[in-house]
Amino acid sequence: MPAFPLILALETSCDETAVALCDGSGAMLGSAISSQIPDHQPYGGVVPELASRNHLLRIRPLLQQVLDETGRSLQDIDAFAATAGPGLASSLLIGSTLAKSLALACAKPYLAINHLEGHLLSPFLGKPDGLRPGAALVVSGGHTLLLHLRGPGDYPLLGRTRDDAAGEAFDKVARMLGLPYPGGPEIDRLARCGDPQAFDFPRSMKHSGDFAFSFSGLKTSMFYLLPTLGDQAASRLPDLCASFQEAVVDILVTKTLQAAHHLGARDVSVSGGVSCNSRLRAVFAQRCAQAGLALHLAAPAHTTDNAAMIAYAALQRFQAGQFSPLDADIDPNLALPSLPAESLASSPVPPL
């Protein structure tokens, strides 16, 4: 095994085409992303067939761009990695097939990486101390998970959403409010001019005694509120966004700090697309400081889908000698290997 390996990673799980190259220290030597947001905006969401076609067109130029910018060739690479799931099947196939082909052609190892593991580890990308054990929140459009991060490949599950993911709730409420896709950043933008106390939205399961989440009731509350506002709804848009956002943030932060307290952890990490929300980052920083907890946030550039986080996760696998066979299949519903939530949260969770 090389002392200073070079890992090339491809990410095509949904609608972002991305390539990254990292070295054995975890430093990103090169990273490139091609966003498809403008392509999918007219449809109000991701169209799988359009996403996969765009991946086919963009992935090879991005790969060449990263190699050129870093002055490396394919022969310099020690392992090739790609996202194997979860995600859109037609999109996952593009990246995984190319990574396998490159690994076969260059006679180098292949690493099939869990997209969620990439997000989970992204707050520690480029950090000299590496991973820090503690309570970890992964919050995105498709997932809301609380995990006990114990080390590479060791992520017991504490709890997850029982219905909508937090990012999904953001997007659905944004559509109710007539905001453009993607809705989460629009709510964040408008909320900065609004009153977070203007509307009293429910905090579902905030003190449920476990680590589960629920956001469908919050979404439904907005659905029934809007008709009562009538013509005032448009002028109250910033207040609606701020109040809704505050409810989501309150639930996420409270539950995560409860988990840290329950585990006796001193570190909290937050990742995933929703972790880019400015209010979420501010409240986490404030409440972690008050509780004496070290907060690790993914850099804004690494909150959305990117290949840097896949490369970093692949490096952990490479250093542990955990390689994947070339016939490893993609899995659109791939889950993180973990223990059931009940086995870790069987005792009552004290409120904060």
Protein backbone atom coordinates (compact mmCIF):
# COMPACT_ATOMS: atom_id res chain seq x y z
CA MET A 1 0.00 0.00 0.00
CA PRO A 2 1.47 3.41 -0.96
CA ALA A 3 2.47 5.69 1.93
CA PHE A 4 0.82 8.70 0.33
CA PRO A 5 -2.07 7.38 -1.76
CA LEU A 6 -3.97 9.42 -4.30
CA ILE A 7 -7.72 8.77 -4.35
CA LEU A 8 -9.87 9.89 -7.29
CA ALA A 9 -13.59 10.03 -6.49
CA LEU A 10 -16.70 10.53 -8.61
CA GLU A 11 -20.08 11.69 -7.31
CA THR A 12 -23.23 11.31 -9.43
CA SER A 13 -25.90 10.32 -6.93
CA CYS A 14 -28.49 12.88 -8.01
CA ASP A 15 -28.12 16.06 -10.05
CA GLU A 16 -24.58 17.21 -9.24
CA THR A 17 -21.70 15.89 -11.32
CA ALA A 18 -18.48 16.05 -9.30
CA VAL A 19 -14.88 14.83 -9.35
CA ALA A 20 -12.23 15.19 -6.62
CA LEU A 21 -8.68 14.08 -5.95
CA CYS A 22 -7.27 13.76 -2.42
CA ASP A 23 -3.99 12.56 -0.98
CA GLY A 24 -3.20 10.40 2.02
CA SER A 25 -3.41 13.32 4.46
CA GLY A 26 -7.00 14.00 3.46
CA ALA A 27 -6.08 17.22 1.68
CA MET A 28 -8.09 17.96 -1.45
CA LEU A 29 -5.70 18.49 -4.34
CA GLY A 30 -8.49 19.20 -6.80
CA SER A 31 -12.27 19.34 -6.84
CA ALA A 32 -14.80 20.25 -9.52
CA ILE A 33 -18.61 20.33 -9.49
CA SER A 34 -21.13 20.92 -12.26
CA SER A 35 -24.54 21.90 -10.93
CA GLN A 36 -27.72 21.01 -12.81
CA ILE A 37 -30.04 23.35 -10.90
CA PRO A 38 -30.79 25.54 -13.96
CA ASP A 39 -31.66 22.40 -15.98
CA HIS A 40 -34.20 21.15 -13.45
CA GLN A 41 -35.63 24.49 -12.27
CA PRO A 42 -38.41 24.58 -14.92
CA TYR A 43 -39.73 21.27 -13.56
CA GLY A 44 -39.66 22.23 -9.87
CA GLY A 45 -37.47 19.24 -8.99
CA VAL A 46 -34.96 16.73 -10.30
CA VAL A 47 -35.92 14.79 -13.45
CA PRO A 48 -33.96 11.50 -13.27
CA GLU A 49 -33.54 10.94 -17.01
CA LEU A 50 -32.33 14.51 -17.55
CA ALA A 51 -29.91 14.17 -14.64
CA SER A 52 -28.32 10.99 -15.99
CA ARG A 53 -27.95 12.46 -19.49
CA ASN A 54 -26.18 15.49 -18.07
CA HIS A 55 -23.85 13.28 -16.01
CA LEU A 56 -22.82 11.48 -19.20
CA LEU A 57 -22.02 14.77 -20.91
CA ARG A 58 -20.17 16.38 -18.02
CA ILE A 59 -18.25 13.75 -16.09
CA ARG A 60 -15.37 13.16 -18.50
CA PRO A 61 -14.59 16.88 -18.99
CA LEU A 62 -14.67 17.34 -15.19
CA LEU A 63 -12.34 14.39 -14.72
CA GLN A 64 -9.88 15.83 -17.22
CA GLN A 65 -10.18 19.26 -15.58
CA VAL A 66 -9.17 17.89 -12.18
CA LEU A 67 -6.27 15.91 -13.63
CA ASP A 68 -5.02 18.94 -15.57
CA GLU A 69 -5.33 21.30 -12.61
CA THR A 70 -3.43 18.95 -10.30
CA GLY A 71 -0.82 17.92 -12.86
CA ARG A 72 -1.65 14.24 -12.38
CA SER A 73 -2.43 11.43 -14.80
CA LEU A 74 -4.64 8.38 -14.39
CA GLN A 75 -1.51 6.28 -13.89
CA ASP A 76 -0.71 8.29 -10.74
CA ILE A 77 -3.97 7.33 -9.04
CA ASP A 78 -3.83 4.62 -6.36
CA ALA A 79 -7.59 3.94 -6.08
CA PHE A 80 -10.79 4.98 -7.80
CA ALA A 81 -13.99 5.61 -5.84
CA ALA A 82 -17.59 6.42 -6.65
CA THR A 83 -20.87 6.86 -4.85
CA ALA A 84 -22.77 3.55 -4.83
CA GLY A 85 -25.91 4.84 -3.12
CA PRO A 86 -28.28 6.05 -1.96
CA GLY A 87 -29.50 8.11 -4.89
CA LEU A 88 -31.10 7.88 -8.32
CA ALA A 89 -30.24 4.57 -9.98
CA SER A 90 -29.72 6.07 -13.43
CA SER A 91 -27.39 8.70 -11.98
CA LEU A 92 -25.44 6.37 -9.69
CA LEU A 93 -24.65 4.09 -12.64
CA ILE A 94 -22.76 6.83 -14.48
CA GLY A 95 -20.17 7.50 -11.79
CA SER A 96 -19.81 3.92 -10.57
CA THR A 97 -19.39 2.51 -14.07
CA LEU A 98 -16.70 5.03 -14.97
CA ALA A 99 -14.82 4.51 -11.68
CA LYS A 100 -14.88 0.72 -12.14
CA SER A 101 -13.69 1.06 -15.72
CA LEU A 102 -10.79 3.27 -14.68
CA ALA A 103 -9.86 0.91 -11.84
CA LEU A 104 -9.88 -2.05 -14.23
CA ALA A 105 -7.91 -0.25 -16.93
CA CYS A 106 -5.28 1.01 -14.46
CA ALA A 107 -5.20 -2.20 -12.39
CA LYS A 108 -6.00 -0.27 -9.21
CA PRO A 109 -8.52 -0.85 -6.40
CA TYR A 110 -12.13 0.28 -6.57
CA LEU A 111 -14.05 1.72 -3.61
CA ALA A 112 -17.86 1.84 -3.54
CA ILE A 113 -18.81 4.64 -1.14
CA ASN A 114 -22.02 5.35 0.74
CA HIS A 115 -23.22 8.87 -0.04
CA LEU A 116 -24.42 9.30 3.55
CA GLU A 117 -21.00 8.34 4.88
CA GLY A 118 -19.52 11.06 2.71
CA HIS A 119 -21.84 13.65 4.25
CA LEU A 120 -21.27 12.31 7.75
CA LEU A 121 -17.49 12.67 7.51
CA SER A 122 -17.47 15.98 5.58
CA PRO A 123 -17.14 18.24 8.68
CA PHE A 124 -13.68 16.72 9.27
CA LEU A 125 -12.45 17.06 5.71
CA GLY A 126 -9.01 18.71 5.77
CA LYS A 127 -8.88 18.84 9.58
CA PRO A 128 -5.44 17.86 10.92
CA ASP A 129 -6.95 15.94 13.88
CA GLY A 130 -9.19 13.84 11.63
CA LEU A 131 -12.49 12.44 12.88
CA ARG A 132 -13.80 13.40 16.31
CA PRO A 133 -16.18 10.95 18.02
CA GLY A 134 -19.52 12.38 19.13
CA ALA A 135 -23.11 13.07 18.17
CA ALA A 136 -23.52 13.53 14.41
CA LEU A 137 -26.49 15.02 12.56
CA VAL A 138 -26.89 14.38 8.83
CA VAL A 139 -29.68 16.59 7.52
CA SER A 140 -30.60 16.93 3.86
CA GLY A 141 -33.45 16.77 1.37
CA GLY A 142 -33.64 13.00 1.63
CA HIS A 143 -32.35 12.22 5.11
CA THR A 144 -32.48 13.36 8.72
CA LEU A 145 -30.30 11.08 10.84
CA LEU A 146 -28.72 11.26 14.29
CA LEU A 147 -25.72 8.97 14.64
CA HIS A 148 -23.06 8.14 17.17
CA LEU A 149 -19.85 8.77 15.27
CA ARG A 150 -17.32 6.47 16.96
CA GLY A 151 -14.69 6.14 14.24
CA PRO A 152 -14.22 5.23 10.56
CA GLY A 153 -16.98 2.83 9.54
CA ASP A 154 -18.50 2.83 13.04
CA TYR A 155 -21.71 4.88 13.04
CA PRO A 156 -24.47 3.41 15.23
CA LEU A 157 -27.86 4.91 14.53
CA LEU A 158 -29.57 6.92 17.27
CA GLY A 159 -32.66 8.10 15.41
CA ARG A 160 -34.12 9.24 12.11
CA THR A 161 -37.14 11.05 10.75
CA ARG A 162 -40.39 9.10 10.83
CA ASP A 163 -41.81 10.91 7.81
CA ASP A 164 -40.40 13.86 5.86
CA ALA A 165 -36.72 14.73 5.97
CA ALA A 166 -36.03 18.28 7.12
CA GLY A 167 -34.87 19.35 3.66
CA GLU A 168 -37.94 17.75 2.11
CA ALA A 169 -40.13 19.82 4.46
CA PHE A 170 -38.26 22.97 3.39
CA ASP A 171 -38.86 22.20 -0.27
CA LYS A 172 -42.54 21.32 0.16
CA VAL A 173 -43.25 24.44 2.20
CA ALA A 174 -41.38 26.54 -0.35
CA ARG A 175 -43.72 25.21 -3.05
CA MET A 176 -46.73 26.12 -0.90
CA LEU A 177 -45.35 29.64 -0.62
CA GLY A 178 -44.76 29.89 -4.38
CA LEU A 179 -40.98 30.07 -4.06
CA PRO A 180 -38.67 28.84 -6.86
CA TYR A 181 -36.69 25.58 -6.78
CA PRO A 182 -34.59 24.82 -4.80
CA GLY A 183 -36.80 26.04 -1.97
CA GLY A 184 -34.49 25.71 1.04
CA PRO A 185 -32.09 28.53 0.12
CA GLU A 186 -35.07 30.78 -0.77
CA ILE A 187 -36.64 30.27 2.65
CA ASP A 188 -33.27 30.99 4.28
CA ARG A 189 -32.91 34.20 2.26
CA LEU A 190 -36.40 35.53 3.00
CA ALA A 191 -36.25 34.51 6.66
CA ARG A 192 -33.44 36.99 7.30
CA CYS A 193 -35.98 39.81 6.93
CA GLY A 194 -38.73 38.09 8.92
CA ASP A 195 -39.82 37.64 12.53
CA PRO A 196 -39.16 34.06 13.73
CA GLN A 197 -41.77 34.52 16.48
CA ALA A 198 -44.56 35.79 14.20
CA PHE A 199 -46.21 32.36 13.88
CA ASP A 200 -46.19 29.58 16.46
CA PHE A 201 -45.47 26.44 14.45
CA PRO A 202 -45.39 23.06 16.26
CA ARG A 203 -42.14 21.46 17.39
CA SER A 204 -43.09 17.84 16.75
CA MET A 205 -41.29 15.23 18.88
CA LYS A 206 -38.95 17.82 20.37
CA HIS A 207 -39.32 16.22 23.79
CA SER A 208 -40.40 12.72 22.72
CA GLY A 209 -37.83 10.99 24.90
CA ASP A 210 -36.02 9.46 21.96
CA PHE A 211 -33.98 10.63 18.97
CA ALA A 212 -36.67 10.39 16.29
CA PHE A 213 -37.84 13.35 14.20
CA SER A 214 -41.11 14.28 12.50
CA PHE A 215 -41.68 17.17 10.10
CA SER A 216 -44.93 16.26 8.35
CA GLY A 217 -47.04 17.96 11.04
CA LEU A 218 -45.06 21.17 10.67
CA LYS A 219 -45.63 21.09 6.92
CA THR A 220 -49.36 20.43 7.42
CA SER A 221 -49.58 23.32 9.87
CA MET A 222 -48.33 25.67 7.17
CA PHE A 223 -50.84 24.17 4.70
CA TYR A 224 -53.78 25.03 6.96
CA LEU A 225 -52.42 28.43 8.02
CA LEU A 226 -52.03 29.92 4.54
CA PRO A 227 -55.77 30.04 3.63
CA THR A 228 -56.52 31.90 6.89
CA LEU A 229 -54.11 34.69 5.89
CA GLY A 230 -55.81 35.32 2.56
CA ASP A 231 -54.34 38.29 0.71
CA GLN A 232 -51.95 38.99 3.60
CA ALA A 233 -49.93 35.84 2.89
CA ALA A 234 -47.74 37.55 0.28
CA SER A 235 -46.82 40.45 2.57
CA ARG A 236 -46.16 38.05 5.47
CA LEU A 237 -43.84 35.84 3.42
CA PRO A 238 -40.64 36.76 5.35
CA ASP A 239 -42.39 36.12 8.68
CA LEU A 240 -43.77 32.80 7.45
CA CYS A 241 -40.32 31.70 6.28
CA ALA A 242 -38.60 32.85 9.47
CA SER A 243 -41.15 31.17 11.76
CA PHE A 244 -41.14 27.89 9.84
CA GLN A 245 -37.34 27.86 9.68
CA GLU A 246 -37.09 28.58 13.41
CA ALA A 247 -39.27 25.57 14.21
CA VAL A 248 -37.13 23.22 12.10
CA VAL A 249 -33.90 24.60 13.54
CA ASP A 250 -35.17 24.36 17.10
CA ILE A 251 -36.06 20.68 16.66
CA LEU A 252 -32.77 19.76 14.98
CA VAL A 253 -30.54 21.56 17.46
CA THR A 254 -32.42 20.40 20.57
CA LYS A 255 -32.45 16.75 19.52
CA THR A 256 -28.75 16.79 18.59
CA LEU A 257 -27.71 18.34 21.90
CA GLN A 258 -29.89 15.82 23.72
CA ALA A 259 -28.00 13.08 21.88
CA ALA A 260 -24.62 14.55 22.84
CA HIS A 261 -25.72 14.77 26.47
CA HIS A 262 -27.05 11.21 26.39
CA LEU A 263 -23.77 9.89 24.95
CA GLY A 264 -21.57 11.97 27.22
CA ALA A 265 -19.97 13.34 24.06
CA ARG A 266 -18.03 16.59 23.87
CA ASP A 267 -18.18 16.91 20.08
CA VAL A 268 -21.09 17.58 17.72
CA SER A 269 -20.89 17.41 13.93
CA VAL A 270 -23.49 18.64 11.44
CA SER A 271 -23.54 17.89 7.71
CA GLY A 272 -25.78 17.56 4.66
CA GLY A 273 -27.44 20.13 2.42
CA VAL A 274 -29.62 21.67 5.15
CA SER A 275 -26.52 22.30 7.27
CA CYS A 276 -25.77 25.20 4.93
CA ASN A 277 -28.81 27.04 6.35
CA SER A 278 -27.51 30.21 8.00
CA ARG A 279 -29.92 30.12 10.95
CA LEU A 280 -29.15 26.47 11.68
CA ARG A 281 -25.42 27.19 11.75
CA ALA A 282 -25.87 30.23 13.98
CA VAL A 283 -28.10 28.48 16.53
CA PHE A 284 -25.85 25.42 16.65
CA ALA A 285 -22.83 27.65 17.27
CA GLN A 286 -24.62 29.55 20.04
CA ARG A 287 -26.07 26.56 21.87
CA CYS A 288 -22.96 24.38 21.55
CA ALA A 289 -20.88 27.20 23.00
CA GLN A 290 -23.33 27.52 25.90
CA ALA A 291 -23.17 23.76 26.51
CA GLY A 292 -19.37 23.59 26.23
CA LEU A 293 -19.50 21.38 23.15
CA ALA A 294 -17.06 21.47 20.23
CA LEU A 295 -19.01 22.05 17.01
CA HIS A 296 -17.84 20.69 13.66
CA LEU A 297 -19.73 22.04 10.65
CA ALA A 298 -19.16 20.97 7.07
CA ALA A 299 -17.73 23.82 5.00
CA PRO A 300 -20.50 25.44 2.89
CA ALA A 301 -18.91 24.07 -0.28
CA HIS A 302 -19.16 20.55 1.16
CA THR A 303 -22.73 20.67 2.43
CA THR A 304 -24.35 19.91 -0.92
CA ASP A 305 -23.40 16.88 -3.02
CA ASN A 306 -19.70 16.90 -3.89
CA ALA A 307 -16.91 14.47 -4.68
CA ALA A 308 -14.52 15.79 -2.02
CA MET A 309 -16.55 14.14 0.73
CA ILE A 310 -16.64 10.89 -1.27
CA ALA A 311 -12.86 11.02 -1.70
CA TYR A 312 -12.39 11.59 2.03
CA ALA A 313 -14.67 8.67 2.95
CA ALA A 314 -12.86 6.52 0.38
CA LEU A 315 -9.53 7.41 1.96
CA GLN A 316 -10.74 6.02 5.31
CA ARG A 317 -11.69 2.77 3.57
CA PHE A 318 -8.43 2.65 1.61
CA GLN A 319 -6.31 3.07 4.75
CA ALA A 320 -8.29 0.27 6.41
CA GLY A 321 -7.75 -2.00 3.40
CA GLN A 322 -11.50 -2.20 2.74
CA PHE A 323 -11.82 -2.43 -1.04
CA SER A 324 -14.84 -3.23 -3.19
CA PRO A 325 -15.16 -5.86 -5.93
CA LEU A 326 -15.60 -4.62 -9.47
CA ASP A 327 -18.98 -6.34 -9.66
CA ALA A 328 -20.28 -4.39 -6.64
CA ASP A 329 -23.71 -3.07 -7.58
CA ILE A 330 -25.26 0.31 -6.92
CA ASP A 331 -28.09 0.52 -4.38
CA PRO A 332 -30.52 3.48 -4.64
CA ASN A 333 -31.68 2.72 -1.09
CA LEU A 334 -28.27 2.03 0.43
CA ALA A 335 -28.25 2.57 4.19
CA LEU A 336 -25.36 3.18 6.54
CA PRO A 337 -24.43 -0.04 8.36
CA SER A 338 -25.61 0.63 11.90
CA LEU A 339 -27.31 -0.75 14.96
CA PRO A 340 -31.06 -0.23 15.52
CA ALA A 341 -31.92 3.00 17.29
CA GLU A 342 -33.61 1.08 20.11
CA SER A 343 -30.35 -0.62 21.09
CA LEU A 344 -28.72 2.74 21.75
CA ALA A 345 -31.53 4.89 23.09
CA SER A 346 -33.35 2.44 25.33
CA SER A 347 -32.92 4.59 28.43
CA PRO A 348 -34.93 7.83 28.79
CA VAL A 349 -33.47 10.90 27.15
CA PRO A 350 -33.31 13.79 29.60
CA PRO A 351 -34.65 17.11 28.30
CA LEU A 352 -32.25 20.04 27.93
